[in-house]
PDB file of all heavy atoms in Angstrom:
ATOM      1  N   CYS A   1     213.239 194.360 123.603  1.00  0.00           N
ATOM      2  CA  CYS A   1     212.281 193.915 124.616  1.00  0.00           C
ATOM      3  C   CYS A   1     211.198 194.972 124.747  1.00  0.00           C
ATOM      4  O   CYS A   1     211.472 196.190 124.751  1.00  0.00           O
ATOM      5  CB  CYS A   1     213.022 193.752 125.956  1.00  0.00           C
ATOM      6  SG  CYS A   1     211.939 193.233 127.279  1.00  0.00           S
ATOM      7  N   ILE A   2     209.949 194.501 124.808  1.00  0.00           N
ATOM      8  CA  ILE A   2     208.827 195.454 125.023  1.00  0.00           C
ATOM      9  C   ILE A   2     208.072 194.998 126.278  1.00  0.00           C
ATOM     10  O   ILE A   2     208.023 193.812 126.557  1.00  0.00           O
ATOM     11  CB  ILE A   2     207.910 195.561 123.775  1.00  0.00           C
ATOM     12  CG1 ILE A   2     207.302 194.211 123.433  1.00  0.00           C
ATOM     13  CG2 ILE A   2     208.651 196.148 122.626  1.00  0.00           C
ATOM     14  CD1 ILE A   2     206.239 194.342 122.360  1.00  0.00           C
ATOM     15  N   GLU A   3     207.519 195.954 126.987  1.00  0.00           N
ATOM     16  CA  GLU A   3     206.873 195.711 128.242  1.00  0.00           C
ATOM     17  C   GLU A   3     205.361 195.556 128.163  1.00  0.00           C
ATOM     18  O   GLU A   3     204.673 195.348 129.141  1.00  0.00           O
ATOM     19  CB  GLU A   3     207.170 196.828 129.296  1.00  0.00           C
ATOM     20  CG  GLU A   3     208.609 196.822 129.625  1.00  0.00           C
ATOM     21  CD  GLU A   3     208.959 197.859 130.714  1.00  0.00           C
ATOM     22  OE1 GLU A   3     208.031 198.685 131.038  1.00  0.00           O
ATOM     23  OE2 GLU A   3     210.062 197.864 131.221  1.00  0.00           O
ATOM     24  N   TYR A   4     204.788 195.705 126.955  1.00  0.00           N
ATOM     25  CA  TYR A   4     203.365 195.565 126.752  1.00  0.00           C
ATOM     26  C   TYR A   4     203.176 195.151 125.277  1.00  0.00           C
ATOM     27  O   TYR A   4     203.989 195.379 124.424  1.00  0.00           O
ATOM     28  CB  TYR A   4     202.656 196.927 126.982  1.00  0.00           C
ATOM     29  CG  TYR A   4     203.319 198.099 126.272  1.00  0.00           C
ATOM     30  CD1 TYR A   4     202.889 198.347 124.962  1.00  0.00           C
ATOM     31  CD2 TYR A   4     204.295 198.826 126.868  1.00  0.00           C
ATOM     32  CE1 TYR A   4     203.504 199.418 124.310  1.00  0.00           C
ATOM     33  CE2 TYR A   4     204.892 199.862 126.165  1.00  0.00           C
ATOM     34  CZ  TYR A   4     204.475 200.164 124.906  1.00  0.00           C
ATOM     35  OH  TYR A   4     205.094 201.164 124.197  1.00  0.00           O
ATOM     36  N   PRO A   5     202.048 194.397 124.985  1.00  0.00           N
ATOM     37  CA  PRO A   5     201.778 194.036 123.606  1.00  0.00           C
ATOM     38  C   PRO A   5     201.562 195.298 122.804  1.00  0.00           C
ATOM     39  O   PRO A   5     200.955 196.269 123.224  1.00  0.00           O
ATOM     40  CB  PRO A   5     200.422 193.232 123.707  1.00  0.00           C
ATOM     41  CG  PRO A   5     200.217 192.954 125.165  1.00  0.00           C
ATOM     42  CD  PRO A   5     200.996 193.948 125.955  1.00  0.00           C
ATOM     43  N   ALA A   6     202.147 195.339 121.622  1.00  0.00           N
ATOM     44  CA  ALA A   6     202.080 196.541 120.814  1.00  0.00           C
ATOM     45  C   ALA A   6     202.333 196.203 119.346  1.00  0.00           C
ATOM     46  O   ALA A   6     202.911 195.172 119.007  1.00  0.00           O
ATOM     47  CB  ALA A   6     203.130 197.534 121.263  1.00  0.00           C
ATOM     48  N   ARG A   7     201.936 197.165 118.503  1.00  0.00           N
ATOM     49  CA  ARG A   7     202.341 197.078 117.104  1.00  0.00           C
ATOM     50  C   ARG A   7     203.794 197.580 117.034  1.00  0.00           C
ATOM     51  O   ARG A   7     204.090 198.667 117.546  1.00  0.00           O
ATOM     52  CB  ARG A   7     201.471 197.974 116.260  1.00  0.00           C
ATOM     53  CG  ARG A   7     201.850 197.963 114.765  1.00  0.00           C
ATOM     54  CD  ARG A   7     200.814 198.657 113.901  1.00  0.00           C
ATOM     55  NE  ARG A   7     201.286 198.698 112.506  1.00  0.00           N
ATOM     56  CZ  ARG A   7     201.187 197.650 111.633  1.00  0.00           C
ATOM     57  NH1 ARG A   7     200.647 196.552 112.055  1.00  0.00           N
ATOM     58  NH2 ARG A   7     201.617 197.801 110.440  1.00  0.00           N
ATOM     59  N   VAL A   8     204.628 196.798 116.459  1.00  0.00           N
ATOM     60  CA  VAL A   8     206.080 197.003 116.493  1.00  0.00           C
ATOM     61  C   VAL A   8     206.572 197.195 115.026  1.00  0.00           C
ATOM     62  O   VAL A   8     206.169 196.421 114.152  1.00  0.00           O
ATOM     63  CB  VAL A   8     206.841 195.889 117.133  1.00  0.00           C
ATOM     64  CG1 VAL A   8     208.320 195.961 116.915  1.00  0.00           C
ATOM     65  CG2 VAL A   8     206.512 195.866 118.637  1.00  0.00           C
ATOM     66  N   LYS A   9     207.444 198.181 114.837  1.00  0.00           N
ATOM     67  CA  LYS A   9     208.178 198.345 113.596  1.00  0.00           C
ATOM     68  C   LYS A   9     209.637 198.374 113.975  1.00  0.00           C
ATOM     69  O   LYS A   9     210.058 199.145 114.805  1.00  0.00           O
ATOM     70  CB  LYS A   9     207.790 199.632 112.914  1.00  0.00           C
ATOM     71  CG  LYS A   9     206.452 199.648 112.251  1.00  0.00           C
ATOM     72  CD  LYS A   9     206.234 200.954 111.500  1.00  0.00           C
ATOM     73  CE  LYS A   9     205.375 200.643 110.256  1.00  0.00           C
ATOM     74  NZ  LYS A   9     205.286 201.843 109.396  1.00  0.00           N
ATOM     75  N   LEU A  10     210.349 197.526 113.310  1.00  0.00           N
ATOM     76  CA  LEU A  10     211.850 197.496 113.478  1.00  0.00           C
ATOM     77  C   LEU A  10     212.467 197.634 112.103  1.00  0.00           C
ATOM     78  O   LEU A  10     212.223 196.839 111.207  1.00  0.00           O
ATOM     79  CB  LEU A  10     212.280 196.175 114.114  1.00  0.00           C
ATOM     80  CG  LEU A  10     213.793 196.024 114.390  1.00  0.00           C
ATOM     81  CD1 LEU A  10     214.203 197.028 115.459  1.00  0.00           C
ATOM     82  CD2 LEU A  10     214.108 194.608 114.856  1.00  0.00           C
ATOM     83  N   SER A  11     213.171 198.762 111.921  1.00  0.00           N
ATOM     84  CA  SER A  11     213.705 199.153 110.582  1.00  0.00           C
ATOM     85  C   SER A  11     215.100 199.522 110.627  1.00  0.00           C
ATOM     86  O   SER A  11     215.559 200.029 111.649  1.00  0.00           O
ATOM     87  CB  SER A  11     212.799 200.281 109.986  1.00  0.00           C
ATOM     88  OG  SER A  11     211.428 199.978 110.045  1.00  0.00           O
ATOM     89  N   ILE A  12     215.791 199.431 109.472  1.00  0.00           N
ATOM     90  CA  ILE A  12     217.178 199.865 109.331  1.00  0.00           C
ATOM     91  C   ILE A  12     217.180 201.008 108.293  1.00  0.00           C
ATOM     92  O   ILE A  12     216.563 200.923 107.267  1.00  0.00           O
ATOM     93  CB  ILE A  12     218.135 198.697 108.771  1.00  0.00           C
ATOM     94  CG1 ILE A  12     217.912 197.462 109.663  1.00  0.00           C
ATOM     95  CG2 ILE A  12     219.577 199.181 108.706  1.00  0.00           C
ATOM     96  CD1 ILE A  12     218.395 197.581 111.044  1.00  0.00           C
ATOM     97  N   TYR A  13     217.908 202.095 108.654  1.00  0.00           N
ATOM     98  CA  TYR A  13     218.022 203.250 107.807  1.00  0.00           C
ATOM     99  C   TYR A  13     219.543 203.528 107.561  1.00  0.00           C
ATOM    100  O   TYR A  13     220.371 203.281 108.370  1.00  0.00           O
ATOM    101  CB  TYR A  13     217.417 204.503 108.465  1.00  0.00           C
ATOM    102  CG  TYR A  13     215.946 204.363 108.729  1.00  0.00           C
ATOM    103  CD1 TYR A  13     215.439 203.770 109.847  1.00  0.00           C
ATOM    104  CD2 TYR A  13     215.037 204.914 107.770  1.00  0.00           C
ATOM    105  CE1 TYR A  13     214.069 203.650 110.056  1.00  0.00           C
ATOM    106  CE2 TYR A  13     213.683 204.746 107.951  1.00  0.00           C
ATOM    107  CZ  TYR A  13     213.222 204.132 109.104  1.00  0.00           C
ATOM    108  OH  TYR A  13     211.837 204.019 109.256  1.00  0.00           O
ATOM    109  N   ASN A  14     219.792 204.095 106.369  1.00  0.00           N
ATOM    110  CA  ASN A  14     221.174 204.470 106.043  1.00  0.00           C
ATOM    111  C   ASN A  14     221.425 205.851 106.611  1.00  0.00           C
ATOM    112  O   ASN A  14     220.554 206.514 107.161  1.00  0.00           O
ATOM    113  CB  ASN A  14     221.462 204.359 104.564  1.00  0.00           C
ATOM    114  CG  ASN A  14     220.683 205.320 103.695  1.00  0.00           C
ATOM    115  OD1 ASN A  14     220.101 206.260 104.205  1.00  0.00           O
ATOM    116  ND2 ASN A  14     220.610 205.030 102.404  1.00  0.00           N
ATOM    117  N   LEU A  15     222.620 206.372 106.400  1.00  0.00           N
ATOM    118  CA  LEU A  15     223.027 207.637 106.884  1.00  0.00           C
ATOM    119  C   LEU A  15     222.237 208.802 106.297  1.00  0.00           C
ATOM    120  O   LEU A  15     222.041 209.855 106.987  1.00  0.00           O
ATOM    121  CB  LEU A  15     224.507 207.903 106.649  1.00  0.00           C
ATOM    122  CG  LEU A  15     225.268 208.953 107.359  1.00  0.00           C
ATOM    123  CD1 LEU A  15     225.056 208.854 108.868  1.00  0.00           C
ATOM    124  CD2 LEU A  15     226.707 208.983 107.012  1.00  0.00           C
ATOM    125  N   ALA A  16     221.700 208.600 105.123  1.00  0.00           N
ATOM    126  CA  ALA A  16     220.861 209.620 104.454  1.00  0.00           C
ATOM    127  C   ALA A  16     219.406 209.616 105.010  1.00  0.00           C
ATOM    128  O   ALA A  16     218.615 210.389 104.570  1.00  0.00           O
ATOM    129  CB  ALA A  16     220.883 209.487 102.965  1.00  0.00           C
ATOM    130  N   GLY A  17     219.113 208.663 105.891  1.00  0.00           N
ATOM    131  CA  GLY A  17     217.721 208.547 106.421  1.00  0.00           C
ATOM    132  C   GLY A  17     216.810 207.739 105.598  1.00  0.00           C
ATOM    133  O   GLY A  17     215.615 207.700 105.815  1.00  0.00           O
ATOM    134  N   GLN A  18     217.347 207.044 104.574  1.00  0.00           N
ATOM    135  CA  GLN A  18     216.486 206.200 103.697  1.00  0.00           C
ATOM    136  C   GLN A  18     216.338 204.787 104.304  1.00  0.00           C
ATOM    137  O   GLN A  18     217.288 204.185 104.850  1.00  0.00           O
ATOM    138  CB  GLN A  18     217.187 206.052 102.325  1.00  0.00           C
ATOM    139  CG  GLN A  18     217.364 207.358 101.652  1.00  0.00           C
ATOM    140  CD  GLN A  18     218.346 207.278 100.501  1.00  0.00           C
ATOM    141  OE1 GLN A  18     219.370 206.573 100.591  1.00  0.00           O
ATOM    142  NE2 GLN A  18     218.014 207.935  99.366  1.00  0.00           N
ATOM    143  N   LEU A  19     215.107 204.261 104.269  1.00  0.00           N
ATOM    144  CA  LEU A  19     214.824 202.960 104.751  1.00  0.00           C
ATOM    145  C   LEU A  19     215.538 201.913 103.888  1.00  0.00           C
ATOM    146  O   LEU A  19     215.390 201.998 102.624  1.00  0.00           O
ATOM    147  CB  LEU A  19     213.288 202.733 104.689  1.00  0.00           C
ATOM    148  CG  LEU A  19     212.844 201.295 105.089  1.00  0.00           C
ATOM    149  CD1 LEU A  19     213.083 201.070 106.605  1.00  0.00           C
ATOM    150  CD2 LEU A  19     211.352 201.131 104.748  1.00  0.00           C
ATOM    151  N   VAL A  20     216.345 201.035 104.471  1.00  0.00           N
ATOM    152  CA  VAL A  20     217.030 200.045 103.683  1.00  0.00           C
ATOM    153  C   VAL A  20     216.575 198.585 104.027  1.00  0.00           C
ATOM    154  O   VAL A  20     216.778 197.701 103.211  1.00  0.00           O
ATOM    155  CB  VAL A  20     218.615 200.128 103.809  1.00  0.00           C
ATOM    156  CG1 VAL A  20     219.074 201.451 103.281  1.00  0.00           C
ATOM    157  CG2 VAL A  20     219.032 199.947 105.282  1.00  0.00           C
ATOM    158  N   ALA A  21     215.894 198.427 105.185  1.00  0.00           N
ATOM    159  CA  ALA A  21     215.376 197.140 105.523  1.00  0.00           C
ATOM    160  C   ALA A  21     214.258 197.283 106.539  1.00  0.00           C
ATOM    161  O   ALA A  21     214.443 198.025 107.549  1.00  0.00           O
ATOM    162  CB  ALA A  21     216.465 196.213 106.119  1.00  0.00           C
ATOM    163  N   ALA A  22     213.140 196.593 106.310  1.00  0.00           N
ATOM    164  CA  ALA A  22     212.023 196.578 107.281  1.00  0.00           C
ATOM    165  C   ALA A  22     212.018 195.167 107.854  1.00  0.00           C
ATOM    166  O   ALA A  22     211.722 194.188 107.138  1.00  0.00           O
ATOM    167  CB  ALA A  22     210.722 196.891 106.600  1.00  0.00           C
ATOM    168  N   LEU A  23     212.425 195.000 109.110  1.00  0.00           N
ATOM    169  CA  LEU A  23     212.571 193.674 109.713  1.00  0.00           C
ATOM    170  C   LEU A  23     211.362 193.186 110.423  1.00  0.00           C
ATOM    171  O   LEU A  23     211.078 191.997 110.401  1.00  0.00           O
ATOM    172  CB  LEU A  23     213.770 193.710 110.671  1.00  0.00           C
ATOM    173  CG  LEU A  23     215.115 194.123 110.051  1.00  0.00           C
ATOM    174  CD1 LEU A  23     216.210 194.265 111.106  1.00  0.00           C
ATOM    175  CD2 LEU A  23     215.544 193.246 108.945  1.00  0.00           C
ATOM    176  N   VAL A  24     210.595 194.019 111.064  1.00  0.00           N
ATOM    177  CA  VAL A  24     209.388 193.676 111.790  1.00  0.00           C
ATOM    178  C   VAL A  24     208.358 194.731 111.532  1.00  0.00           C
ATOM    179  O   VAL A  24     208.667 195.928 111.568  1.00  0.00           O
ATOM    180  CB  VAL A  24     209.645 193.548 113.325  1.00  0.00           C
ATOM    181  CG1 VAL A  24     208.343 193.264 114.025  1.00  0.00           C
ATOM    182  CG2 VAL A  24     210.733 192.489 113.600  1.00  0.00           C
ATOM    183  N   ASP A  25     207.142 194.330 111.253  1.00  0.00           N
ATOM    184  CA  ASP A  25     206.037 195.272 111.085  1.00  0.00           C
ATOM    185  C   ASP A  25     204.771 194.534 111.427  1.00  0.00           C
ATOM    186  O   ASP A  25     204.110 193.910 110.546  1.00  0.00           O
ATOM    187  CB  ASP A  25     205.995 195.838 109.678  1.00  0.00           C
ATOM    188  CG  ASP A  25     204.923 196.952 109.567  1.00  0.00           C
ATOM    189  OD1 ASP A  25     204.300 197.312 110.539  1.00  0.00           O
ATOM    190  OD2 ASP A  25     204.802 197.479 108.387  1.00  0.00           O
ATOM    191  N   GLY A  26     204.388 194.568 112.714  1.00  0.00           N
ATOM    192  CA  GLY A  26     203.155 193.856 113.120  1.00  0.00           C
ATOM    193  C   GLY A  26     203.045 193.785 114.621  1.00  0.00           C
ATOM    194  O   GLY A  26     203.853 194.371 115.377  1.00  0.00           O
ATOM    195  N   SER A  27     201.993 193.079 115.097  1.00  0.00           N
ATOM    196  CA  SER A  27     201.771 192.923 116.543  1.00  0.00           C
ATOM    197  C   SER A  27     202.745 192.022 117.137  1.00  0.00           C
ATOM    198  O   SER A  27     203.074 190.934 116.627  1.00  0.00           O
ATOM    199  CB  SER A  27     200.355 192.407 116.759  1.00  0.00           C
ATOM    200  OG  SER A  27     199.445 193.365 116.243  1.00  0.00           O
ATOM    201  N   VAL A  28     203.284 192.435 118.320  1.00  0.00           N
ATOM    202  CA  VAL A  28     204.267 191.630 119.052  1.00  0.00           C
ATOM    203  C   VAL A  28     203.838 191.553 120.509  1.00  0.00           C
ATOM    204  O   VAL A  28     203.334 192.494 121.091  1.00  0.00           O
ATOM    205  CB  VAL A  28     205.678 192.323 118.910  1.00  0.00           C
ATOM    206  CG1 VAL A  28     206.727 191.550 119.756  1.00  0.00           C
ATOM    207  CG2 VAL A  28     206.107 192.322 117.456  1.00  0.00           C
ATOM    208  N   GLU A  29     204.021 190.388 121.101  1.00  0.00           N
ATOM    209  CA  GLU A  29     203.694 190.116 122.490  1.00  0.00           C
ATOM    210  C   GLU A  29     204.763 190.701 123.417  1.00  0.00           C
ATOM    211  O   GLU A  29     205.912 190.953 122.986  1.00  0.00           O
ATOM    212  CB  GLU A  29     203.492 188.666 122.775  1.00  0.00           C
ATOM    213  CG  GLU A  29     202.304 188.065 122.070  1.00  0.00           C
ATOM    214  CD  GLU A  29     200.989 188.717 122.510  1.00  0.00           C
ATOM    215  OE1 GLU A  29     200.869 188.929 123.718  1.00  0.00           O
ATOM    216  OE2 GLU A  29     200.112 189.010 121.674  1.00  0.00           O
ATOM    217  N   VAL A  30     204.495 190.840 124.703  1.00  0.00           N
ATOM    218  CA  VAL A  30     205.403 191.261 125.714  1.00  0.00           C
ATOM    219  C   VAL A  30     206.628 190.353 125.755  1.00  0.00           C
ATOM    220  O   VAL A  30     206.473 189.095 125.554  1.00  0.00           O
ATOM    221  CB  VAL A  30     204.710 191.280 127.099  1.00  0.00           C
ATOM    222  CG1 VAL A  30     205.721 191.521 128.224  1.00  0.00           C
ATOM    223  CG2 VAL A  30     203.553 192.230 127.104  1.00  0.00           C
ATOM    224  N   GLY A  31     207.821 190.863 126.029  1.00  0.00           N
ATOM    225  CA  GLY A  31     208.945 190.076 126.238  1.00  0.00           C
ATOM    226  C   GLY A  31     210.162 190.363 125.352  1.00  0.00           C
ATOM    227  O   GLY A  31     210.209 191.435 124.699  1.00  0.00           O
ATOM    228  N   ASN A  32     211.095 189.444 125.390  1.00  0.00           N
ATOM    229  CA  ASN A  32     212.334 189.563 124.626  1.00  0.00           C
ATOM    230  C   ASN A  32     212.170 188.942 123.213  1.00  0.00           C
ATOM    231  O   ASN A  32     211.598 187.871 123.128  1.00  0.00           O
ATOM    232  CB  ASN A  32     213.461 188.897 125.340  1.00  0.00           C
ATOM    233  CG  ASN A  32     213.824 189.519 126.659  1.00  0.00           C
ATOM    234  OD1 ASN A  32     213.992 190.723 126.711  1.00  0.00           O
ATOM    235  ND2 ASN A  32     213.809 188.732 127.752  1.00  0.00           N
ATOM    236  N   HIS A  33     212.712 189.621 122.236  1.00  0.00           N
ATOM    237  CA  HIS A  33     212.625 189.177 120.832  1.00  0.00           C
ATOM    238  C   HIS A  33     213.982 189.365 120.125  1.00  0.00           C
ATOM    239  O   HIS A  33     214.737 190.223 120.583  1.00  0.00           O
ATOM    240  CB  HIS A  33     211.522 189.913 120.108  1.00  0.00           C
ATOM    241  CG  HIS A  33     210.220 189.837 120.766  1.00  0.00           C
ATOM    242  ND1 HIS A  33     209.336 188.815 120.611  1.00  0.00           N
ATOM    243  CD2 HIS A  33     209.615 190.678 121.658  1.00  0.00           C
ATOM    244  CE1 HIS A  33     208.229 189.014 121.311  1.00  0.00           C
ATOM    245  NE2 HIS A  33     208.404 190.112 121.973  1.00  0.00           N
ATOM    246  N   SER A  34     214.268 188.589 119.132  1.00  0.00           N
ATOM    247  CA  SER A  34     215.468 188.848 118.361  1.00  0.00           C
ATOM    248  C   SER A  34     215.208 188.578 116.865  1.00  0.00           C
ATOM    249  O   SER A  34     214.351 187.815 116.472  1.00  0.00           O
ATOM    250  CB  SER A  34     216.617 187.963 118.822  1.00  0.00           C
ATOM    251  OG  SER A  34     216.310 186.580 118.513  1.00  0.00           O
ATOM    252  N   VAL A  35     215.958 189.354 116.067  1.00  0.00           N
ATOM    253  CA  VAL A  35     215.801 189.324 114.603  1.00  0.00           C
ATOM    254  C   VAL A  35     217.189 189.337 114.001  1.00  0.00           C
ATOM    255  O   VAL A  35     218.055 190.095 114.497  1.00  0.00           O
ATOM    256  CB  VAL A  35     214.978 190.526 114.071  1.00  0.00           C
ATOM    257  CG1 VAL A  35     214.909 190.547 112.553  1.00  0.00           C
ATOM    258  CG2 VAL A  35     213.651 190.580 114.696  1.00  0.00           C
ATOM    259  N   ALA A  36     217.428 188.576 112.962  1.00  0.00           N
ATOM    260  CA  ALA A  36     218.676 188.591 112.282  1.00  0.00           C
ATOM    261  C   ALA A  36     218.612 189.593 111.086  1.00  0.00           C
ATOM    262  O   ALA A  36     217.580 189.661 110.408  1.00  0.00           O
ATOM    263  CB  ALA A  36     219.055 187.183 111.755  1.00  0.00           C
ATOM    264  N   TRP A  37     219.687 190.343 110.931  1.00  0.00           N
ATOM    265  CA  TRP A  37     219.766 191.246 109.766  1.00  0.00           C
ATOM    266  C   TRP A  37     221.020 190.846 108.945  1.00  0.00           C
ATOM    267  O   TRP A  37     222.102 190.824 109.439  1.00  0.00           O
ATOM    268  CB  TRP A  37     219.916 192.709 110.163  1.00  0.00           C
ATOM    269  CG  TRP A  37     220.073 193.651 109.000  1.00  0.00           C
ATOM    270  CD1 TRP A  37     219.311 193.624 107.847  1.00  0.00           C
ATOM    271  CD2 TRP A  37     220.966 194.682 108.840  1.00  0.00           C
ATOM    272  NE1 TRP A  37     219.705 194.647 106.992  1.00  0.00           N
ATOM    273  CE2 TRP A  37     220.757 195.311 107.587  1.00  0.00           C
ATOM    274  CE3 TRP A  37     222.026 195.235 109.681  1.00  0.00           C
ATOM    275  CZ2 TRP A  37     221.513 196.394 107.123  1.00  0.00           C
ATOM    276  CZ3 TRP A  37     222.731 196.311 109.188  1.00  0.00           C
ATOM    277  CH2 TRP A  37     222.469 196.880 107.943  1.00  0.00           C
ATOM    278  N   ASN A  38     220.791 190.347 107.714  1.00  0.00           N
ATOM    279  CA  ASN A  38     221.852 190.003 106.791  1.00  0.00           C
ATOM    280  C   ASN A  38     222.271 191.259 106.088  1.00  0.00           C
ATOM    281  O   ASN A  38     221.582 191.781 105.173  1.00  0.00           O
ATOM    282  CB  ASN A  38     221.372 188.942 105.803  1.00  0.00           C
ATOM    283  CG  ASN A  38     222.477 188.499 104.875  1.00  0.00           C
ATOM    284  OD1 ASN A  38     223.547 189.054 104.858  1.00  0.00           O
ATOM    285  ND2 ASN A  38     222.212 187.479 104.122  1.00  0.00           N
ATOM    286  N   ALA A  39     223.448 191.775 106.426  1.00  0.00           N
ATOM    287  CA  ALA A  39     223.934 193.006 105.830  1.00  0.00           C
ATOM    288  C   ALA A  39     224.949 192.762 104.696  1.00  0.00           C
ATOM    289  O   ALA A  39     225.697 193.704 104.276  1.00  0.00           O
ATOM    290  CB  ALA A  39     224.623 193.844 106.888  1.00  0.00           C
ATOM    291  N   SER A  40     225.026 191.560 104.177  1.00  0.00           N
ATOM    292  CA  SER A  40     226.021 191.201 103.183  1.00  0.00           C
ATOM    293  C   SER A  40     225.877 192.007 101.924  1.00  0.00           C
ATOM    294  O   SER A  40     226.871 192.215 101.188  1.00  0.00           O
ATOM    295  CB  SER A  40     226.064 189.704 102.879  1.00  0.00           C
ATOM    296  OG  SER A  40     224.768 189.282 102.400  1.00  0.00           O
ATOM    297  N   GLY A  41     224.708 192.453 101.565  1.00  0.00           N
ATOM    298  CA  GLY A  41     224.464 193.245 100.329  1.00  0.00           C
ATOM    299  C   GLY A  41     224.647 194.722 100.510  1.00  0.00           C
ATOM    300  O   GLY A  41     224.444 195.485  99.560  1.00  0.00           O
ATOM    301  N   PHE A  42     225.033 195.162 101.704  1.00  0.00           N
ATOM    302  CA  PHE A  42     225.140 196.608 102.000  1.00  0.00           C
ATOM    303  C   PHE A  42     226.580 197.029 102.057  1.00  0.00           C
ATOM    304  O   PHE A  42     227.489 196.261 102.405  1.00  0.00           O
ATOM    305  CB  PHE A  42     224.449 196.886 103.329  1.00  0.00           C
ATOM    306  CG  PHE A  42     222.965 196.626 103.296  1.00  0.00           C
ATOM    307  CD1 PHE A  42     222.463 195.383 103.606  1.00  0.00           C
ATOM    308  CD2 PHE A  42     222.129 197.639 102.925  1.00  0.00           C
ATOM    309  CE1 PHE A  42     221.117 195.125 103.559  1.00  0.00           C
ATOM    310  CE2 PHE A  42     220.750 197.449 102.928  1.00  0.00           C
ATOM    311  CZ  PHE A  42     220.250 196.111 103.213  1.00  0.00           C
ATOM    312  N   SER A  43     226.828 198.346 101.719  1.00  0.00           N
ATOM    313  CA  SER A  43     228.226 198.882 101.734  1.00  0.00           C
ATOM    314  C   SER A  43     228.539 199.318 103.148  1.00  0.00           C
ATOM    315  O   SER A  43     227.706 199.527 104.024  1.00  0.00           O
ATOM    316  CB  SER A  43     228.317 200.022 100.770  1.00  0.00           C
ATOM    317  OG  SER A  43     227.425 201.094 101.170  1.00  0.00           O
TER     318      SER A  43
END
């Protein structure tokens, strides 16, 4: 949830700090949002 319109980045990182998935990267409006992450290919 964000309280103001903003450029949003939602990312997943592994324990080593490496980016493993970029789920959102763009402008998002105020409010509640949800994103699915399929982790079936991850250890």
